[in-house]
């Protein structure tokens, strides 16, 4: 793990790629730049407070439209009609499919995004997305999904001019949170790609050190999931598993969760889940028990790597799935990005916070970016009125 982190820090010290991005991105002035081009160009370092704020308690009713970073103190933004704003949702690992990105290759800025990403990570991102093979796409899915979801922003610009200028909030499912932070100018594209490459390697290393898995469960209204997880851990302990792990890893919507942990515990849920109100279950095809304490090694590697990454406060409200609250400053970005590989994804709670509003108030246009339809499907289960104002941006 130390070797993985050292390699990341060594690469982060190279400035040649930043110069390459800058040379290739000069246009006819700031007003002529696309939103994607501006985020590609921006690789500046910003300062931050040296002390980290105390972690806030979970805030399920957080205001969905925060002021721009740096403008929260001393004044308030003018009232904006929610129907005139946009919310972006970015997908996570597992949304990938062979063929994604093909629909974006006719968009010059999106094609350039793939080329720039390939020059940074050292492999052909567009080819792996469009052609696979599937095992290679699965192995490299974190980078592939990140690039494809960001490239989808250019389709938005072509088909819905002005929608990106009206974005007031964003969120991403697990990995997608990094894409949201790139759009919000908290991370440069280069740093985000390097970080995601390390994230994937660190998670694989943690999974190899202690194998585990993930299981989606659909629940009856009277399900006793907490008791089922307890019994699964007890069963695993009886079978010789040391300090067994079995817990909710993803909160999707009230009747659906993803649990993760040691294989012996998951097999217990598969065999005996119906006794606790589990209607059905399905394995998630991933390498390990993500978003559980079994990813502690990956969390440590990310925390060390993030010390070498230039981070700034997001320019708009980006919600963290660790606590379903918007990031407040750069220190919070560093803290939560390290934590979120070993903490549950509180997606259901994040959606509640994102769309909380007084009765009768309108909903923003929500754009679900990138591959897969799971983001909109989940939104429909959590908030049907928000779903009514949402669109899928296919790739």
Protein backbone atom coordinates (compact mmCIF):
# COMPACT_ATOMS: atom_id res chain seq x y z
CA UNK A 1 0.00 0.00 0.00
CA UNK A 2 2.89 2.38 0.76
CA UNK A 3 4.33 1.65 -2.69
CA UNK A 4 1.00 2.50 -4.35
CA UNK A 5 0.86 5.82 -2.49
CA UNK A 6 4.50 6.68 -3.23
CA UNK A 7 3.90 6.12 -6.94
CA UNK A 8 0.90 8.44 -6.80
CA UNK A 9 2.87 11.19 -5.08
CA UNK A 10 5.77 10.83 -7.56
CA UNK A 11 3.40 11.22 -10.49
CA UNK A 12 1.66 14.18 -8.88
CA UNK A 13 4.97 16.06 -8.85
CA UNK A 14 5.14 16.06 -12.64
CA UNK A 15 3.99 19.30 -14.20
CA UNK A 16 4.43 18.38 -17.88
CA UNK A 17 0.89 17.15 -18.29
CA UNK A 18 -0.52 20.33 -16.85
CA UNK A 19 1.48 22.30 -19.41
CA UNK A 20 0.19 20.01 -22.15
CA UNK A 21 -3.40 20.62 -21.07
CA UNK A 22 -2.82 24.35 -20.98
CA UNK A 23 -1.23 24.49 -24.46
CA UNK A 24 -4.01 22.45 -25.97
CA UNK A 25 -6.80 24.47 -24.43
CA UNK A 26 -6.20 28.05 -25.53
CA UNK A 27 -9.12 29.51 -27.45
CA UNK A 28 -10.53 32.89 -28.32
CA UNK A 29 -10.95 34.09 -24.77
CA UNK A 30 -12.76 33.05 -21.64
CA UNK A 31 -16.22 33.70 -23.04
CA UNK A 32 -15.63 31.23 -25.91
CA UNK A 33 -14.69 28.34 -23.65
CA UNK A 34 -17.12 25.52 -23.03
CA UNK A 35 -17.84 24.52 -19.42
CA UNK A 36 -15.83 21.35 -19.99
CA UNK A 37 -12.91 23.30 -21.45
CA UNK A 38 -12.83 25.59 -18.42
CA UNK A 39 -12.61 22.67 -16.02
CA UNK A 40 -9.87 21.08 -18.17
CA UNK A 41 -7.88 24.30 -18.18
CA UNK A 42 -8.12 24.98 -14.48
CA UNK A 43 -5.24 23.37 -12.59
CA UNK A 44 -4.50 26.14 -10.10
CA UNK A 45 -3.72 25.51 -6.44
CA UNK A 46 -5.77 27.26 -3.80
CA UNK A 47 -5.03 27.63 -0.10
CA UNK A 48 -7.19 26.33 2.70
CA UNK A 49 -7.56 26.58 6.43
CA UNK A 50 -4.99 24.55 8.34
CA UNK A 51 -7.39 23.21 10.93
CA UNK A 52 -10.22 20.85 10.07
CA UNK A 53 -13.69 21.68 11.25
CA UNK A 54 -15.36 19.31 13.63
CA UNK A 55 -17.34 16.73 11.66
CA UNK A 56 -21.01 17.82 11.63
CA UNK A 57 -23.82 15.53 12.65
CA UNK A 58 -25.94 14.10 9.88
CA UNK A 59 -28.21 16.79 8.45
CA UNK A 60 -31.01 15.20 6.49
CA UNK A 61 -32.81 18.48 5.71
CA UNK A 62 -29.86 20.50 4.41
CA UNK A 63 -30.76 23.32 2.05
CA UNK A 64 -30.30 22.05 -1.52
CA UNK A 65 -28.92 25.27 -3.01
CA UNK A 66 -25.87 26.51 -1.17
CA UNK A 67 -24.17 29.79 -1.96
CA UNK A 68 -20.94 29.78 -3.93
CA UNK A 69 -17.83 29.03 -1.94
CA UNK A 70 -16.45 32.20 -0.41
CA UNK A 71 -19.84 33.91 -0.55
CA UNK A 72 -21.49 32.16 2.36
CA UNK A 73 -20.28 34.66 4.92
CA UNK A 74 -21.60 38.20 5.01
CA UNK A 75 -24.27 38.03 2.30
CA UNK A 76 -26.96 35.82 0.83
CA UNK A 77 -27.59 34.99 -2.81
CA UNK A 78 -30.67 36.46 -4.45
CA UNK A 79 -33.70 34.18 -4.44
CA UNK A 80 -33.65 31.78 -7.38
CA UNK A 81 -36.72 29.92 -8.59
CA UNK A 82 -35.87 26.19 -8.24
CA UNK A 83 -37.46 25.38 -11.61
CA UNK A 84 -34.84 27.61 -13.23
CA UNK A 85 -31.92 25.64 -11.76
CA UNK A 86 -30.17 22.35 -12.51
CA UNK A 87 -28.92 19.49 -10.35
CA UNK A 88 -26.32 17.02 -11.64
CA UNK A 89 -26.11 13.37 -10.56
CA UNK A 90 -22.97 11.36 -11.40
CA UNK A 91 -22.88 7.53 -11.48
CA UNK A 92 -20.48 5.26 -9.64
CA UNK A 93 -18.63 2.02 -10.15
CA UNK A 94 -20.91 -0.66 -11.60
CA UNK A 95 -22.63 1.66 -14.09
CA UNK A 96 -20.15 0.75 -16.82
CA UNK A 97 -21.05 -1.19 -19.97
CA UNK A 98 -19.07 -2.03 -23.08
CA UNK A 99 -20.03 0.49 -25.75
CA UNK A 100 -20.40 3.49 -23.49
CA UNK A 101 -18.94 6.69 -24.88
CA UNK A 102 -19.60 5.84 -28.53
CA UNK A 103 -22.46 8.33 -28.67
CA UNK A 104 -20.07 11.07 -27.52
CA UNK A 105 -17.33 10.59 -30.12
CA UNK A 106 -19.02 12.97 -32.57
CA UNK A 107 -18.78 15.77 -30.02
CA UNK A 108 -15.29 17.35 -30.40
CA UNK A 109 -14.90 18.48 -26.79
CA UNK A 110 -15.99 15.08 -25.45
CA UNK A 111 -13.60 13.28 -27.79
CA UNK A 112 -10.82 15.56 -26.58
CA UNK A 113 -11.72 14.70 -22.99
CA UNK A 114 -11.05 11.02 -23.71
CA UNK A 115 -7.76 11.84 -25.44
CA UNK A 116 -6.54 14.02 -22.58
CA UNK A 117 -7.55 11.41 -20.01
CA UNK A 118 -5.69 8.72 -21.96
CA UNK A 119 -2.54 10.84 -22.01
CA UNK A 120 -2.75 11.21 -18.23
CA UNK A 121 -3.45 7.60 -17.21
CA UNK A 122 -1.38 5.93 -19.93
CA UNK A 123 -4.04 3.72 -21.55
CA UNK A 124 -6.71 4.24 -24.20
CA UNK A 125 -9.80 5.18 -22.20
CA UNK A 126 -12.08 5.61 -25.24
CA UNK A 127 -11.15 2.19 -26.65
CA UNK A 128 -11.73 0.36 -23.36
CA UNK A 129 -15.11 2.10 -22.93
CA UNK A 130 -16.32 1.49 -26.46
CA UNK A 131 -14.79 -1.89 -27.25
CA UNK A 132 -13.87 -3.54 -23.95
CA UNK A 133 -13.22 -6.41 -23.52
CA UNK A 134 -15.56 -6.59 -20.55
CA UNK A 135 -12.96 -7.91 -18.10
CA UNK A 136 -10.63 -5.01 -18.91
CA UNK A 137 -13.47 -2.50 -18.59
CA UNK A 138 -14.40 -4.02 -15.22
CA UNK A 139 -10.81 -3.72 -14.02
CA UNK A 140 -10.56 -0.11 -15.18
CA UNK A 141 -14.16 0.87 -14.60
CA UNK A 142 -13.53 3.66 -12.08
CA UNK A 143 -11.52 5.77 -14.50
CA UNK A 144 -13.78 4.83 -17.42
CA UNK A 145 -16.97 5.87 -15.61
CA UNK A 146 -15.39 9.10 -14.33
CA UNK A 147 -14.28 10.21 -17.81
CA UNK A 148 -17.51 9.17 -19.52
CA UNK A 149 -19.74 10.97 -17.03
CA UNK A 150 -17.69 14.17 -17.37
CA UNK A 151 -17.68 13.88 -21.16
CA UNK A 152 -21.48 13.62 -21.03
CA UNK A 153 -21.51 17.26 -19.90
CA UNK A 154 -20.68 18.26 -23.48
CA UNK A 155 -23.79 16.49 -24.74
CA UNK A 156 -25.74 18.60 -22.25
CA UNK A 157 -24.16 21.75 -23.65
CA UNK A 158 -25.10 20.75 -27.21
CA UNK A 159 -28.67 19.68 -26.46
CA UNK A 160 -29.64 22.01 -23.61
CA UNK A 161 -27.73 25.29 -23.90
CA UNK A 162 -27.61 27.14 -20.61
CA UNK A 163 -28.41 24.14 -18.40
CA UNK A 164 -24.82 23.90 -17.11
CA UNK A 165 -24.76 27.60 -16.25
CA UNK A 166 -27.80 27.03 -14.03
CA UNK A 167 -26.31 24.18 -11.99
CA UNK A 168 -26.69 24.92 -8.29
CA UNK A 169 -26.01 21.49 -6.74
CA UNK A 170 -24.46 18.12 -7.57
CA UNK A 171 -23.97 14.70 -6.04
CA UNK A 172 -22.31 11.48 -7.08
CA UNK A 173 -22.79 7.89 -6.06
CA UNK A 174 -19.50 6.79 -4.45
CA UNK A 175 -16.96 7.26 -7.27
CA UNK A 176 -19.35 9.77 -8.86
CA UNK A 177 -18.65 12.15 -6.00
CA UNK A 178 -15.19 12.74 -7.47
CA UNK A 179 -16.73 13.66 -10.84
CA UNK A 180 -19.05 16.10 -9.07
CA UNK A 181 -16.07 17.70 -7.35
CA UNK A 182 -14.27 18.09 -10.69
CA UNK A 183 -17.28 19.89 -12.14
CA UNK A 184 -17.40 22.09 -9.02
CA UNK A 185 -13.72 23.06 -9.46
CA UNK A 186 -12.69 21.43 -6.18
CA UNK A 187 -10.33 19.05 -8.04
CA UNK A 188 -8.51 19.47 -11.33
CA UNK A 189 -9.09 16.81 -13.98
CA UNK A 190 -5.51 15.56 -13.79
CA UNK A 191 -5.55 15.22 -10.01
CA UNK A 192 -8.93 13.50 -10.09
CA UNK A 193 -7.73 10.94 -12.63
CA UNK A 194 -4.58 10.20 -10.65
CA UNK A 195 -6.62 9.90 -7.49
CA UNK A 196 -9.14 7.52 -9.08
CA UNK A 197 -6.37 5.31 -10.47
CA UNK A 198 -4.89 5.07 -6.98
CA UNK A 199 -8.34 4.55 -5.44
CA UNK A 200 -8.98 1.56 -7.70
CA UNK A 201 -5.57 0.03 -6.96
CA UNK A 202 -5.90 0.58 -3.22
CA UNK A 203 -9.38 -0.98 -3.12
CA UNK A 204 -8.13 -4.01 -5.06
CA UNK A 205 -5.22 -4.38 -2.63
CA UNK A 206 -7.53 -4.17 0.38
CA UNK A 207 -9.87 -6.74 -1.17
CA UNK A 208 -6.98 -9.10 -1.84
CA UNK A 209 -5.81 -8.80 1.77
CA UNK A 210 -9.24 -9.84 3.06
CA UNK A 211 -11.73 -11.17 0.51
CA UNK A 212 -15.34 -10.10 0.77
CA UNK A 213 -18.31 -9.24 -1.37
CA UNK A 214 -21.50 -7.23 -1.78
CA UNK A 215 -25.13 -8.31 -1.95
CA UNK A 216 -28.20 -6.30 -2.96
CA UNK A 217 -31.24 -7.10 -0.83
CA UNK A 218 -34.88 -6.19 -1.46
CA UNK A 219 -36.84 -5.92 1.76
CA UNK A 220 -40.41 -6.47 2.94
CA UNK A 221 -41.96 -3.56 4.91
CA UNK A 222 -41.49 -5.48 8.17
CA UNK A 223 -37.98 -6.74 7.41
CA UNK A 224 -35.55 -7.10 10.31
CA UNK A 225 -32.37 -6.34 8.42
CA UNK A 226 -30.33 -5.25 11.45
CA UNK A 227 -31.07 -8.54 13.19
CA UNK A 228 -30.22 -10.48 10.02
CA UNK A 229 -26.85 -8.74 9.81
CA UNK A 230 -26.15 -9.49 13.47
CA UNK A 231 -26.98 -13.17 13.00
CA UNK A 232 -24.80 -13.26 9.87
CA UNK A 233 -21.84 -11.89 11.82
CA UNK A 234 -22.43 -14.39 14.62
CA UNK A 235 -22.59 -17.23 12.08
CA UNK A 236 -19.33 -16.09 10.47
CA UNK A 237 -17.65 -15.93 13.87
CA UNK A 238 -18.79 -19.47 14.63
CA UNK A 239 -17.17 -20.53 11.36
CA UNK A 240 -13.84 -19.07 12.44
CA UNK A 241 -13.93 -15.62 10.82
CA UNK A 242 -12.05 -13.15 13.01
CA UNK A 243 -14.03 -9.97 13.80
CA UNK A 244 -16.53 -10.61 10.99
CA UNK A 245 -18.00 -7.73 9.02
CA UNK A 246 -21.51 -7.65 7.56
CA UNK A 247 -23.30 -4.29 7.29
CA UNK A 248 -25.23 -1.97 5.02
CA UNK A 249 -22.81 -0.53 2.45
CA UNK A 250 -25.26 1.36 0.22
CA UNK A 251 -28.58 2.91 1.28
CA UNK A 252 -30.48 2.99 -2.03
CA UNK A 253 -34.14 3.45 -1.11
CA UNK A 254 -36.40 2.23 1.70
CA UNK A 255 -37.00 -1.26 0.30
CA UNK A 256 -33.52 -1.83 -1.12
CA UNK A 257 -30.04 -1.83 0.39
CA UNK A 258 -26.65 -3.25 -0.51
CA UNK A 259 -24.94 -5.17 2.28
CA UNK A 260 -21.26 -6.05 2.26
CA UNK A 261 -18.77 -7.99 4.31
CA UNK A 262 -17.10 -11.35 4.72
CA UNK A 263 -18.17 -14.12 2.36
CA UNK A 264 -19.32 -16.45 5.14
CA UNK A 265 -21.68 -13.78 6.46
CA UNK A 266 -23.07 -12.98 3.01
CA UNK A 267 -23.75 -16.64 2.34
CA UNK A 268 -25.81 -16.71 5.55
CA UNK A 269 -27.94 -13.81 4.27
CA UNK A 270 -28.44 -15.59 0.95
CA UNK A 271 -29.56 -18.82 2.62
CA UNK A 272 -31.59 -17.45 5.54
CA UNK A 273 -32.60 -13.93 4.48
CA UNK A 274 -36.25 -14.86 3.98
CA UNK A 275 -36.51 -15.56 7.72
CA UNK A 276 -35.80 -11.87 8.34
CA UNK A 277 -37.97 -10.32 5.64
CA UNK A 278 -35.47 -10.31 2.76
CA UNK A 279 -37.63 -10.89 -0.32
CA UNK A 280 -34.75 -11.57 -2.67
CA UNK A 281 -31.06 -10.92 -3.05
CA UNK A 282 -28.49 -10.64 -5.84
CA UNK A 283 -24.73 -10.53 -5.85
CA UNK A 284 -22.98 -7.34 -6.91
CA UNK A 285 -20.13 -8.15 -9.28
CA UNK A 286 -17.29 -6.34 -7.52
CA UNK A 287 -13.91 -7.39 -6.18
CA UNK A 288 -14.46 -6.82 -2.47
CA UNK A 289 -16.56 -5.52 0.42
CA UNK A 290 -16.48 -1.85 -0.56
CA UNK A 291 -17.73 0.84 1.80
CA UNK A 292 -17.08 -1.25 4.90
CA UNK A 293 -14.23 -1.39 7.45
CA UNK A 294 -12.60 -4.04 5.24
CA UNK A 295 -11.49 -1.10 3.08
CA UNK A 296 -9.51 0.49 5.95
CA UNK A 297 -6.22 0.02 4.07
CA UNK A 298 -7.61 1.82 1.03
CA UNK A 299 -8.82 4.66 3.25
CA UNK A 300 -5.33 5.06 4.71
CA UNK A 301 -3.74 5.13 1.25
CA UNK A 302 -6.20 7.75 0.00
CA UNK A 303 -5.71 9.90 3.08
CA UNK A 304 -1.95 9.94 2.53
CA UNK A 305 -2.30 10.62 -1.21
CA UNK A 306 -4.76 13.48 -0.69
CA UNK A 307 -2.10 15.37 1.25
CA UNK A 308 -0.28 15.83 -2.08
CA UNK A 309 -3.38 16.91 -4.03
CA UNK A 310 -4.39 20.52 -4.63
CA UNK A 311 -7.95 20.82 -3.35
CA UNK A 312 -10.21 23.84 -3.03
CA UNK A 313 -13.70 24.55 -1.73
CA UNK A 314 -16.39 23.59 -4.28
CA UNK A 315 -17.93 26.55 -6.15
CA UNK A 316 -21.40 25.05 -5.73
CA UNK A 317 -23.16 22.69 -3.33
CA UNK A 318 -21.69 19.20 -3.72
CA UNK A 319 -23.23 16.69 -1.35
CA UNK A 320 -21.07 14.06 0.34
CA UNK A 321 -22.55 10.57 0.58
CA UNK A 322 -20.67 10.03 3.85
CA UNK A 323 -23.01 12.31 5.82
CA UNK A 324 -25.53 13.55 3.22
CA UNK A 325 -24.38 17.14 3.72
CA UNK A 326 -22.68 19.59 1.32
CA UNK A 327 -18.94 20.06 1.46
CA UNK A 328 -18.02 23.31 3.20
CA UNK A 329 -14.31 23.69 2.53
CA UNK A 330 -11.21 22.03 1.07
CA UNK A 331 -10.36 20.33 4.35
CA UNK A 332 -13.76 18.63 4.27
CA UNK A 333 -13.14 17.40 0.73
CA UNK A 334 -9.88 15.78 1.77
CA UNK A 335 -11.41 14.26 4.88
CA UNK A 336 -14.54 12.83 3.26
CA UNK A 337 -12.92 11.53 0.07
CA UNK A 338 -10.60 9.37 2.17
CA UNK A 339 -13.42 8.18 4.41
CA UNK A 340 -15.98 7.32 1.80
CA UNK A 341 -14.30 4.10 0.57
CA UNK A 342 -14.77 2.56 4.04
CA UNK A 343 -18.08 4.20 5.02
CA UNK A 344 -21.61 3.43 3.79
CA UNK A 345 -22.93 5.32 0.77
CA UNK A 346 -25.95 7.19 2.16
CA UNK A 347 -27.51 7.79 -1.23
CA UNK A 348 -31.11 7.66 -0.05
CA UNK A 349 -30.36 10.23 2.67
CA UNK A 350 -28.37 12.36 0.23
CA UNK A 351 -31.32 12.54 -2.16
CA UNK A 352 -33.62 13.53 0.70
CA UNK A 353 -31.22 16.33 1.65
CA UNK A 354 -30.68 17.44 -1.93
CA UNK A 355 -34.39 17.82 -2.70
CA UNK A 356 -35.68 19.01 0.68
CA UNK A 357 -37.95 22.03 0.16
CA UNK A 358 -41.16 23.60 1.47
CA UNK A 359 -44.43 22.08 0.38
CA UNK A 360 -45.56 23.41 -2.98
CA UNK A 361 -42.12 24.59 -4.10
CA UNK A 362 -40.95 23.48 -7.54
CA UNK A 363 -38.15 21.07 -8.35
CA UNK A 364 -35.03 21.69 -10.42
CA UNK A 365 -34.13 20.02 -13.68
CA UNK A 366 -32.09 16.97 -12.67
CA UNK A 367 -29.62 15.51 -15.17
CA UNK A 368 -28.36 11.98 -14.57
CA UNK A 369 -25.06 11.80 -16.43
CA UNK A 370 -23.21 8.92 -17.97
CA UNK A 371 -23.82 5.21 -18.34
CA UNK A 372 -26.63 3.28 -16.68
CA UNK A 373 -30.13 4.21 -15.58
CA UNK A 374 -29.81 3.33 -11.90
CA UNK A 375 -29.57 6.95 -10.70
CA UNK A 376 -32.98 7.90 -12.10
CA UNK A 377 -34.53 4.59 -11.04
CA UNK A 378 -33.41 5.16 -7.47
CA UNK A 379 -34.54 8.79 -7.55
CA UNK A 380 -38.02 7.66 -8.56
CA UNK A 381 -38.20 5.42 -5.49
CA UNK A 382 -37.00 8.18 -3.14
CA UNK A 383 -38.68 11.29 -4.57
CA UNK A 384 -41.14 10.83 -7.43
CA UNK A 385 -41.66 14.59 -7.89
CA UNK A 386 -37.94 15.15 -8.37
CA UNK A 387 -37.89 12.24 -10.81
CA UNK A 388 -40.66 13.91 -12.83
CA UNK A 389 -38.21 16.75 -13.56
CA UNK A 390 -35.23 14.52 -14.36
CA UNK A 391 -33.57 13.38 -17.60
CA UNK A 392 -31.03 10.72 -18.45
CA UNK A 393 -28.07 11.93 -20.52
CA UNK A 394 -27.13 8.79 -22.40
CA UNK A 395 -23.66 8.07 -23.66
